[in-house]
Amino acid sequence: MTLDFQLVLLRRMADHNPDLVDEARRALGVSIAEMREANKRWQAMVRSPRGRSAAARYRSVLGEPESVEPRRIGDAECEARRWPLPLWPDLRFEVLVGPRGAVWNEWLVRAPHAVGPELRTLEDLVPWSCTVDELARAFPPARPLEGTAPTRWGLAFTAPDRDGVRHDVVAEFTWGLLQRTARVSRRDPSPGSASPTP
């Protein structure tokens, strides 16, 4: 079932980076049709009126978490449950579970003992290179943007290119993993005014 879940993550990422997804899919030894079928099964499970809660669903698909840690967000307490995924050995799939099993967040994060990337310029921000929190720490203050789907996030921030020229930038993430960045006009820092970074 872990294989199927990795295919679900890849299916969402294919909109932004089809070449990377195809490479990962081939590494897993599955076809495009198999990836689509895995995503269909996942969507049916999510939408089933008699299905498990979101927290129970992840446990049923991924097994027991590798780690479970208490986490405080503001005044609220939750659990951070993390699972390894073979496709991304330096990352973990993290689910924040609140009271009564409510899932507050679900995304990829860096594994506790893995070394994160050095993010200093726009050229360092290549697809799949970093997670939401890593980019936010590298280029503060980063402003969250509403995503186009529940599994997507955005960050608006300012960063230098390799020549030291600073740019306003929008980064798009799927399941917490960087998919692409785009420079934006200072007069209109919205994704619609963005142009992809080279």
Protein backbone atom coordinates (compact mmCIF):
# COMPACT_ATOMS: atom_id res chain seq x y z
CA MET A 1 0.00 0.00 0.00
CA THR A 2 2.98 2.32 0.52
CA LEU A 3 3.68 2.04 -3.20
CA ASP A 4 0.12 3.09 -4.02
CA PHE A 5 0.38 6.10 -1.73
CA GLN A 6 3.61 7.25 -3.38
CA LEU A 7 1.79 7.06 -6.71
CA VAL A 8 -0.98 9.25 -5.28
CA LEU A 9 1.60 11.89 -4.34
CA LEU A 10 3.20 11.67 -7.78
CA ARG A 11 -0.14 11.99 -9.55
CA ARG A 12 -0.68 15.39 -7.91
CA MET A 13 2.85 16.51 -8.78
CA ALA A 14 2.51 15.55 -12.45
CA ASP A 15 0.68 18.81 -13.23
CA HIS A 16 3.86 20.76 -12.50
CA ASN A 17 6.74 18.37 -13.22
CA PRO A 18 5.70 15.53 -15.55
CA ASP A 19 9.31 14.65 -16.42
CA LEU A 20 10.32 14.20 -12.77
CA VAL A 21 7.17 12.21 -12.12
CA ASP A 22 7.80 9.94 -15.11
CA GLU A 23 11.34 9.30 -13.92
CA ALA A 24 10.13 8.48 -10.40
CA ARG A 25 7.33 6.30 -11.74
CA ARG A 26 9.78 4.28 -13.84
CA ALA A 27 12.04 3.89 -10.80
CA LEU A 28 9.06 2.37 -8.98
CA GLY A 29 8.43 0.04 -11.92
CA VAL A 30 4.84 1.11 -12.60
CA SER A 31 2.99 2.36 -15.67
CA ILE A 32 1.01 5.56 -16.13
CA ALA A 33 -2.18 3.47 -16.06
CA GLU A 34 -1.17 1.91 -12.72
CA MET A 35 -0.49 5.36 -11.29
CA ARG A 36 -3.92 6.55 -12.39
CA GLU A 37 -5.60 3.48 -10.93
CA ALA A 38 -3.84 3.98 -7.59
CA ASN A 39 -5.06 7.56 -7.52
CA LYS A 40 -8.62 6.45 -8.35
CA ARG A 41 -8.58 3.95 -5.48
CA TRP A 42 -7.33 6.64 -3.11
CA GLN A 43 -9.99 9.12 -4.18
CA ALA A 44 -12.69 6.47 -3.74
CA MET A 45 -11.41 5.77 -0.23
CA VAL A 46 -11.35 9.48 0.65
CA ARG A 47 -14.86 10.10 -0.67
CA SER A 48 -16.49 6.98 0.72
CA PRO A 49 -19.32 7.97 3.13
CA ARG A 50 -18.48 4.93 5.27
CA GLY A 51 -14.73 5.34 5.04
CA ARG A 52 -12.24 5.65 7.86
CA SER A 53 -11.28 8.97 9.40
CA ALA A 54 -8.34 10.68 7.69
CA ALA A 55 -6.00 9.75 10.55
CA ALA A 56 -7.10 6.10 10.48
CA ARG A 57 -6.85 6.05 6.68
CA TYR A 58 -3.16 6.94 6.72
CA ARG A 59 -2.45 4.27 9.33
CA SER A 60 -4.30 1.67 7.26
CA VAL A 61 -2.37 2.59 4.09
CA LEU A 62 1.09 3.30 5.54
CA GLY A 63 1.09 1.12 8.66
CA GLU A 64 2.32 2.22 12.07
CA PRO A 65 4.12 5.59 12.03
CA GLU A 66 7.89 5.62 12.30
CA SER A 67 7.53 8.29 14.98
CA VAL A 68 4.78 9.99 16.97
CA GLU A 69 5.60 13.25 18.74
CA PRO A 70 3.51 15.77 20.65
CA ARG A 71 3.35 19.16 18.94
CA ARG A 72 1.98 22.50 20.09
CA ILE A 73 0.68 25.03 17.55
CA GLY A 74 -0.23 28.22 19.35
CA ASP A 75 -2.52 27.14 22.18
CA ALA A 76 -3.51 23.89 20.50
CA GLU A 77 -1.91 20.49 21.02
CA CYS A 78 -1.65 17.76 18.40
CA GLU A 79 0.44 14.76 17.39
CA ALA A 80 2.96 14.73 14.55
CA ARG A 81 2.94 11.28 12.98
CA ARG A 82 5.64 10.52 10.41
CA TRP A 83 6.15 7.74 7.88
CA PRO A 84 9.14 6.99 5.61
CA LEU A 85 8.58 6.73 1.86
CA PRO A 86 11.19 4.83 -0.22
CA LEU A 87 10.91 7.27 -3.12
CA TRP A 88 12.14 10.15 -0.93
CA PRO A 89 14.47 8.59 1.68
CA ASP A 90 15.49 11.99 3.13
CA LEU A 91 11.87 13.03 3.66
CA ARG A 92 8.99 11.86 5.83
CA PHE A 93 5.26 12.09 5.25
CA GLU A 94 3.95 14.00 8.25
CA VAL A 95 0.35 14.14 9.43
CA LEU A 96 -0.66 16.51 12.24
CA VAL A 97 -3.52 14.91 14.15
CA GLY A 98 -5.61 16.97 16.53
CA PRO A 99 -8.23 16.00 19.11
CA ARG A 100 -10.60 13.16 18.16
CA GLY A 101 -8.44 12.19 15.19
CA ALA A 102 -8.94 15.36 13.15
CA VAL A 103 -6.15 15.83 10.58
CA TRP A 104 -4.86 19.40 10.58
CA ASN A 105 -2.11 19.07 8.02
CA GLU A 106 -0.49 16.45 5.78
CA TRP A 107 2.73 16.98 3.84
CA LEU A 108 6.34 15.99 3.22
CA VAL A 109 8.99 17.24 5.66
CA ARG A 110 12.72 16.64 6.01
CA ALA A 111 13.64 13.51 7.99
CA PRO A 112 15.00 14.40 11.46
CA HIS A 113 18.58 13.27 10.77
CA ALA A 114 18.77 14.21 7.07
CA VAL A 115 20.77 17.24 5.97
CA GLY A 116 18.59 19.83 4.27
CA PRO A 117 19.59 21.83 1.19
CA GLU A 118 21.55 25.08 1.25
CA LEU A 119 19.12 27.65 -0.11
CA ARG A 120 20.87 30.95 -0.82
CA THR A 121 19.77 32.09 -4.27
CA LEU A 122 16.93 31.57 -6.72
CA GLU A 123 19.07 29.10 -8.64
CA ASP A 124 19.05 26.78 -5.62
CA LEU A 125 15.27 26.48 -5.78
CA VAL A 126 14.91 23.62 -8.22
CA PRO A 127 11.87 21.32 -8.23
CA TRP A 128 11.74 18.80 -5.38
CA SER A 129 14.75 20.42 -3.69
CA CYS A 130 13.08 21.61 -0.48
CA THR A 131 10.00 21.63 1.68
CA VAL A 132 7.70 24.49 2.66
CA ASP A 133 9.31 25.08 6.05
CA GLU A 134 12.86 24.92 4.62
CA LEU A 135 12.15 27.63 2.07
CA ALA A 136 10.35 29.78 4.64
CA ARG A 137 13.37 29.60 6.97
CA ALA A 138 15.82 30.36 4.16
CA PHE A 139 14.07 33.50 2.90
CA PRO A 140 12.18 35.25 5.71
CA PRO A 141 9.70 36.73 5.92
CA ALA A 142 7.82 34.37 3.60
CA ARG A 143 4.09 35.02 3.27
CA PRO A 144 1.73 32.03 2.90
CA LEU A 145 -0.53 32.01 -0.17
CA GLU A 146 -3.72 30.07 -0.66
CA GLY A 147 -3.18 26.97 -2.76
CA THR A 148 -5.28 25.90 -5.72
CA ALA A 149 -6.13 22.55 -4.05
CA PRO A 150 -6.03 21.11 -0.51
CA THR A 151 -2.66 19.45 -1.19
CA ARG A 152 -1.06 22.62 -2.58
CA TRP A 153 0.60 25.56 -0.84
CA GLY A 154 2.24 28.78 -1.93
CA LEU A 155 4.82 31.15 -0.45
CA ALA A 156 5.60 34.72 -1.48
CA PHE A 157 9.10 35.94 -0.58
CA THR A 158 12.10 37.94 -1.76
CA ALA A 159 15.35 36.25 -2.76
CA PRO A 160 18.56 37.13 -4.64
CA ASP A 161 19.69 35.55 -7.87
CA ARG A 162 23.29 34.40 -8.34
CA ASP A 163 24.27 37.98 -9.25
CA GLY A 164 22.84 39.37 -6.03
CA VAL A 165 19.81 41.02 -7.64
CA ARG A 166 16.76 40.60 -5.40
CA HIS A 167 13.41 39.49 -6.82
CA ASP A 168 9.88 39.05 -5.52
CA VAL A 169 9.07 35.38 -5.97
CA VAL A 170 6.16 32.98 -5.62
CA ALA A 171 6.88 29.32 -4.87
CA GLU A 172 4.34 26.55 -5.41
CA PHE A 173 4.33 23.31 -3.43
CA THR A 174 2.44 20.03 -3.75
CA TRP A 175 2.24 17.82 -0.65
CA GLY A 176 4.79 20.19 0.92
CA LEU A 177 7.48 19.64 -1.74
CA LEU A 178 8.66 22.50 -4.00
CA GLN A 179 7.32 22.22 -7.54
CA ARG A 180 8.23 25.54 -9.16
CA THR A 181 9.05 29.19 -8.54
CA ALA A 182 8.16 32.30 -10.50
CA ARG A 183 9.24 35.93 -10.30
CA VAL A 184 6.41 38.40 -9.88
CA SER A 185 5.83 42.08 -10.48
CA ARG A 186 6.33 44.23 -7.39
CA ARG A 187 3.04 45.97 -8.21
CA ASP A 188 1.08 42.74 -8.27
CA PRO A 189 2.57 39.91 -6.14
CA SER A 190 -0.08 37.41 -7.18
CA PRO A 191 0.59 34.05 -8.87
CA GLY A 192 -1.29 35.23 -11.96
CA SER A 193 1.36 37.86 -12.66
CA ALA A 194 4.23 35.44 -12.29
CA SER A 195 6.78 34.41 -14.87
CA PRO A 196 8.79 31.21 -14.36
CA THR A 197 12.33 31.62 -13.11
CA PRO A 198 14.99 30.34 -15.47
